Amino acid sequence: MDLLEGIILGIVQGLTEFLPISSSGHLILAREVLGLETDFGLAVDAVLQLATALAVLVYFWRDWVGLLLTLGKFLIGRGREVAPASKTLLLSLTAGTIPAVLFGLLLEDYMETTWRSALLVAGTLAFGAILFVIVERMTHRSQPLSMGKAIVIGLFQSLALIPGMSRSGMTIVGGLLMGLSRAEAARFGFLLSAPIIIGSGGKKLLELFSNGYAQQFELSLAAAFIASFVVGMAVIHWLLSYLRTHTLLPFAWYRLALAGVVVFVLFGL
């Protein structure tokens, strides 16, 4: 991976981690287009995801400070002083994180090998688009977040372990099914993604260094990280504003179109 390829992959990651079109799927397709083959593809993806996790931490810094203060009050026995909304958010993020952790540990081998194909990405892009259309046809009534709803959203987030599904897309779908508004579902999904991305990305980053790969491509990885972070910050801001007044349908049509292009290229139909 050279410097330009690193920047391109970083931009792709920053754009697609938060847009509901699948970052892992687009990274796989980008590698196909660039002809970039590496034995550490998933590890590099994880480093790029760390950059977008940092974007979540920076963009929502007030929320994270509030969550830390809430946790601190619980730890020192002052939980009664915590506002109900802050308590609900902390418990919901904790509960919603559990499914992705469990499934991530169980399915890691598949993520490394079997699920790294363009054809699978085409299928999951199309399947996710169908889910978008279905959920947008449902009646939406804004309801408050709860731990039970967070667990369901966490289960939907677990679907993003399969390339092409999209972490943000699946958490928004789960949130809408649980009665959240699009913007609320996206915001909660972004916050929910941070612990998973940091955990998996940190693990893979250690693998990169232990295998000597990171030392060989330090400049390329640094450029990719910066590009992913900057673009990710911009996309978070844009998407939250967009979802306040727009639906997921344009992303559904994009996913279907891209799936069709991938199938056409692979099979020459």
Protein backbone atom coordinates (compact mmCIF):
# COMPACT_ATOMS: atom_id res chain seq x y z
CA MET A 1 0.00 0.00 0.00
CA ASP A 2 1.59 3.28 -1.13
CA LEU A 3 0.78 6.81 0.03
CA LEU A 4 -1.91 7.52 -2.58
CA GLU A 5 -3.62 4.18 -1.98
CA GLY A 6 -3.60 4.90 1.75
CA ILE A 7 -5.26 8.29 1.24
CA ILE A 8 -7.87 6.79 -1.09
CA LEU A 9 -8.70 4.02 1.40
CA GLY A 10 -8.87 6.61 4.19
CA ILE A 11 -11.33 8.76 2.23
CA VAL A 12 -13.42 5.69 1.38
CA GLN A 13 -13.51 4.70 5.05
CA GLY A 14 -14.38 8.20 6.24
CA LEU A 15 -17.21 8.49 3.73
CA THR A 16 -18.71 5.05 4.15
CA GLU A 17 -18.34 4.33 7.88
CA PHE A 18 -21.14 6.74 8.71
CA LEU A 19 -23.16 6.75 5.50
CA PRO A 20 -25.41 3.65 5.55
CA ILE A 21 -23.64 2.02 2.61
CA SER A 22 -20.99 -0.16 4.36
CA SER A 23 -17.38 0.83 4.91
CA SER A 24 -16.03 -2.74 4.94
CA GLY A 25 -17.85 -3.52 1.70
CA HIS A 26 -16.52 -0.41 -0.04
CA LEU A 27 -12.98 -1.07 1.20
CA ILE A 28 -13.12 -4.56 -0.28
CA LEU A 29 -14.41 -3.14 -3.57
CA ALA A 30 -11.81 -0.35 -3.51
CA ARG A 31 -9.06 -2.93 -3.17
CA GLU A 32 -10.50 -4.83 -6.11
CA VAL A 33 -10.45 -1.67 -8.23
CA LEU A 34 -6.95 -0.65 -7.11
CA GLY A 35 -5.62 -4.17 -7.41
CA LEU A 36 -4.39 -3.83 -3.84
CA GLU A 37 -3.79 -7.19 -2.22
CA THR A 38 -2.50 -7.57 1.33
CA ASP A 39 -2.43 -10.32 3.92
CA PHE A 40 -3.38 -7.71 6.53
CA GLY A 41 -6.44 -6.21 4.83
CA LEU A 42 -8.78 -6.57 7.81
CA ALA A 43 -6.12 -5.17 10.13
CA VAL A 44 -5.63 -2.11 7.91
CA ASP A 45 -9.41 -1.67 7.82
CA ALA A 46 -9.41 -1.71 11.61
CA VAL A 47 -6.79 1.05 11.74
CA LEU A 48 -8.94 3.14 9.42
CA GLN A 49 -11.92 2.43 11.66
CA LEU A 50 -9.94 3.71 14.64
CA ALA A 51 -9.75 7.05 12.83
CA THR A 52 -13.53 7.16 12.44
CA ALA A 53 -13.93 6.07 16.07
CA LEU A 54 -11.80 9.08 17.01
CA ALA A 55 -14.14 11.22 14.90
CA VAL A 56 -17.08 9.93 16.98
CA LEU A 57 -15.23 10.71 20.22
CA VAL A 58 -14.36 14.24 19.08
CA TYR A 59 -17.69 15.12 17.48
CA PHE A 60 -19.76 13.88 20.42
CA TRP A 61 -17.28 14.93 23.10
CA ARG A 62 -19.98 16.51 25.27
CA ASP A 63 -21.90 13.23 25.32
CA TRP A 64 -18.78 11.27 26.28
CA VAL A 65 -17.90 13.71 29.06
CA GLY A 66 -21.46 13.41 30.36
CA LEU A 67 -21.28 9.61 30.23
CA LEU A 68 -17.98 9.60 32.14
CA LEU A 69 -19.41 11.90 34.80
CA THR A 70 -22.49 9.68 35.07
CA LEU A 71 -20.34 6.57 35.42
CA GLY A 72 -18.22 8.32 38.04
CA LYS A 73 -21.25 9.15 40.14
CA PHE A 74 -22.38 5.53 40.05
CA LEU A 75 -18.92 4.35 41.08
CA ILE A 76 -18.77 6.65 44.11
CA GLY A 77 -22.31 5.82 45.22
CA ARG A 78 -24.03 8.99 44.03
CA GLY A 79 -26.21 7.35 41.39
CA ARG A 80 -29.36 9.02 42.74
CA GLU A 81 -28.00 12.35 41.52
CA VAL A 82 -27.86 11.16 37.91
CA ALA A 83 -30.49 12.52 35.52
CA PRO A 84 -32.77 9.77 34.15
CA ALA A 85 -31.79 10.53 30.53
CA SER A 86 -28.08 10.21 31.32
CA LYS A 87 -28.63 6.95 33.21
CA THR A 88 -30.68 5.52 30.35
CA LEU A 89 -28.05 6.44 27.76
CA LEU A 90 -25.21 4.89 29.78
CA LEU A 91 -27.10 1.65 30.45
CA SER A 92 -28.36 1.49 26.86
CA LEU A 93 -24.87 1.86 25.39
CA THR A 94 -23.59 -0.83 27.74
CA ALA A 95 -26.40 -3.24 26.89
CA GLY A 96 -26.26 -2.50 23.17
CA THR A 97 -22.53 -3.18 22.98
CA ILE A 98 -22.78 -6.76 24.30
CA PRO A 99 -24.26 -8.45 21.17
CA ALA A 100 -21.58 -7.13 18.81
CA VAL A 101 -18.80 -8.16 21.21
CA LEU A 102 -20.13 -11.71 21.50
CA PHE A 103 -20.77 -12.17 17.78
CA GLY A 104 -17.47 -10.50 16.89
CA LEU A 105 -15.53 -13.01 18.98
CA LEU A 106 -17.51 -15.95 17.59
CA LEU A 107 -17.29 -14.92 13.93
CA GLU A 108 -13.80 -13.41 13.71
CA ASP A 109 -12.42 -16.26 11.56
CA TYR A 110 -15.21 -15.79 9.00
CA MET A 111 -14.57 -12.04 8.96
CA GLU A 112 -10.91 -12.68 8.15
CA THR A 113 -11.48 -15.17 5.32
CA THR A 114 -14.87 -16.33 4.00
CA TRP A 115 -16.56 -12.92 4.16
CA ARG A 116 -13.90 -11.00 2.21
CA SER A 117 -15.45 -11.38 -1.26
CA ALA A 118 -16.96 -8.88 -3.70
CA LEU A 119 -19.87 -11.22 -4.49
CA LEU A 120 -20.88 -11.37 -0.83
CA VAL A 121 -20.71 -7.58 -0.66
CA ALA A 122 -23.07 -7.32 -3.64
CA GLY A 123 -25.59 -9.61 -1.95
CA THR A 124 -25.49 -7.83 1.41
CA LEU A 125 -25.68 -4.40 -0.21
CA ALA A 126 -28.90 -5.49 -1.90
CA PHE A 127 -30.29 -7.12 1.25
CA GLY A 128 -29.59 -4.00 3.29
CA ALA A 129 -31.32 -1.87 0.67
CA ILE A 130 -34.44 -4.04 0.97
CA LEU A 131 -34.40 -3.53 4.74
CA PHE A 132 -34.20 0.25 4.19
CA VAL A 133 -37.24 0.19 1.92
CA ILE A 134 -39.23 -1.97 4.35
CA VAL A 135 -38.48 0.15 7.40
CA GLU A 136 -39.23 3.40 5.54
CA ARG A 137 -42.69 2.08 4.63
CA MET A 138 -43.52 1.61 8.31
CA THR A 139 -45.23 4.20 10.48
CA HIS A 140 -42.68 6.09 12.56
CA ARG A 141 -43.58 7.22 16.06
CA SER A 142 -40.83 8.79 18.11
CA GLN A 143 -40.41 6.86 21.38
CA PRO A 144 -37.79 7.10 24.14
CA LEU A 145 -34.71 4.90 24.26
CA SER A 146 -34.55 2.00 26.72
CA MET A 147 -32.18 -0.87 27.54
CA GLY A 148 -34.44 -3.39 25.82
CA LYS A 149 -34.50 -1.33 22.64
CA ALA A 150 -30.74 -0.83 22.86
CA ILE A 151 -30.17 -4.60 22.92
CA VAL A 152 -32.25 -4.99 19.76
CA ILE A 153 -30.30 -2.17 18.09
CA GLY A 154 -27.10 -3.88 19.24
CA LEU A 155 -28.23 -7.09 17.54
CA PHE A 156 -28.78 -5.15 14.33
CA GLN A 157 -25.31 -3.63 14.73
CA SER A 158 -23.96 -7.20 14.82
CA LEU A 159 -25.18 -7.67 11.24
CA ALA A 160 -22.50 -5.16 10.23
CA LEU A 161 -19.88 -7.83 10.96
CA ILE A 162 -20.83 -9.07 7.47
CA PRO A 163 -19.24 -6.79 4.84
CA GLY A 164 -21.82 -4.83 2.87
CA MET A 165 -24.45 -4.58 5.64
CA SER A 166 -23.25 -1.26 7.15
CA ARG A 167 -22.95 -0.54 10.86
CA SER A 168 -24.69 2.83 10.66
CA GLY A 169 -27.33 1.45 8.29
CA MET A 170 -28.22 -1.48 10.51
CA THR A 171 -28.32 0.56 13.73
CA ILE A 172 -30.57 3.13 12.05
CA VAL A 173 -32.86 0.31 10.86
CA GLY A 174 -32.89 -1.17 14.37
CA GLY A 175 -33.54 2.24 15.89
CA LEU A 176 -36.44 2.96 13.54
CA LEU A 177 -37.97 -0.43 14.31
CA MET A 178 -37.69 0.42 18.01
CA GLY A 179 -39.48 3.75 17.55
CA LEU A 180 -36.57 6.21 17.42
CA SER A 181 -36.44 9.00 14.86
CA ARG A 182 -33.88 8.71 12.06
CA ALA A 183 -31.58 11.33 13.59
CA GLU A 184 -31.90 9.82 17.10
CA ALA A 185 -31.22 6.34 15.73
CA ALA A 186 -28.16 7.60 13.85
CA ARG A 187 -26.80 9.47 16.87
CA PHE A 188 -27.24 6.46 19.15
CA GLY A 189 -25.73 4.20 16.50
CA PHE A 190 -22.65 6.42 16.22
CA LEU A 191 -22.15 6.40 19.98
CA LEU A 192 -22.78 2.65 20.10
CA SER A 193 -20.18 1.98 17.42
CA ALA A 194 -17.27 3.63 19.23
CA PRO A 195 -16.50 0.94 21.88
CA ILE A 196 -16.70 -1.87 19.29
CA ILE A 197 -14.51 -0.07 16.76
CA ILE A 198 -11.93 0.93 19.37
CA GLY A 199 -11.78 -2.62 20.75
CA SER A 200 -11.46 -4.38 17.40
CA GLY A 201 -9.25 -1.68 15.92
CA GLY A 202 -6.90 -1.70 18.89
CA LYS A 203 -6.56 -5.48 18.70
CA LYS A 204 -5.80 -5.41 14.99
CA LEU A 205 -3.37 -2.51 15.43
CA LEU A 206 -1.34 -4.63 17.84
CA GLU A 207 -1.32 -7.40 15.22
CA LEU A 208 -0.01 -4.95 12.62
CA PHE A 209 2.91 -3.96 14.83
CA SER A 210 3.65 -7.48 16.01
CA ASN A 211 3.85 -8.68 12.38
CA GLY A 212 6.07 -5.78 11.37
CA TYR A 213 3.55 -4.56 8.79
CA ALA A 214 2.93 -1.17 10.41
CA GLN A 215 6.64 -0.28 10.38
CA GLN A 216 6.79 -0.92 6.63
CA PHE A 217 3.88 1.37 5.83
CA GLU A 218 3.95 3.99 8.59
CA LEU A 219 3.55 7.00 6.26
CA SER A 220 0.76 5.38 4.24
CA LEU A 221 -1.13 4.32 7.38
CA ALA A 222 -0.73 7.78 8.91
CA ALA A 223 -2.07 9.46 5.77
CA ALA A 224 -4.97 7.00 5.62
CA PHE A 225 -5.75 7.64 9.30
CA ILE A 226 -5.82 11.43 8.88
CA ALA A 227 -7.94 11.27 5.72
CA SER A 228 -10.40 8.90 7.40
CA PHE A 229 -10.70 11.13 10.49
CA VAL A 230 -11.23 14.41 8.63
CA VAL A 231 -13.75 13.00 6.16
CA GLY A 232 -15.51 11.08 8.94
CA MET A 233 -16.06 14.26 10.98
CA ALA A 234 -17.62 16.01 8.00
CA VAL A 235 -19.88 13.05 7.17
CA ILE A 236 -21.20 12.73 10.75
CA HIS A 237 -22.25 16.37 10.73
CA TRP A 238 -23.85 16.14 7.29
CA LEU A 239 -25.73 12.88 7.89
CA LEU A 240 -27.28 13.96 11.21
CA SER A 241 -28.58 17.09 9.50
CA TYR A 242 -29.78 15.16 6.44
CA LEU A 243 -31.73 12.52 8.40
CA ARG A 244 -33.78 15.15 10.24
CA THR A 245 -35.73 15.83 7.04
CA HIS A 246 -34.91 12.98 4.63
CA THR A 247 -35.34 9.20 4.36
CA LEU A 248 -32.96 6.30 3.79
CA LEU A 249 -34.36 5.61 0.33
CA PRO A 250 -31.60 7.36 -1.70
CA PHE A 251 -29.06 5.13 0.07
CA ALA A 252 -31.20 2.08 -0.72
CA TRP A 253 -31.19 2.92 -4.45
CA TYR A 254 -27.43 3.54 -4.34
CA ARG A 255 -26.83 0.18 -2.68
CA LEU A 256 -28.97 -1.62 -5.25
CA ALA A 257 -27.22 0.14 -8.13
CA LEU A 258 -23.77 -0.66 -6.74
CA ALA A 259 -24.74 -4.30 -6.15
CA GLY A 260 -25.86 -4.50 -9.77
CA VAL A 261 -22.58 -3.01 -11.00
CA VAL A 262 -20.56 -5.48 -8.94
CA VAL A 263 -22.52 -8.46 -10.26
CA PHE A 264 -22.18 -7.15 -13.83
CA VAL A 265 -18.42 -6.77 -13.49
CA LEU A 266 -17.96 -10.15 -11.83
CA PHE A 267 -20.07 -12.13 -14.28
CA GLY A 268 -20.16 -9.89 -17.34
CA LEU A 269 -23.97 -10.03 -17.45
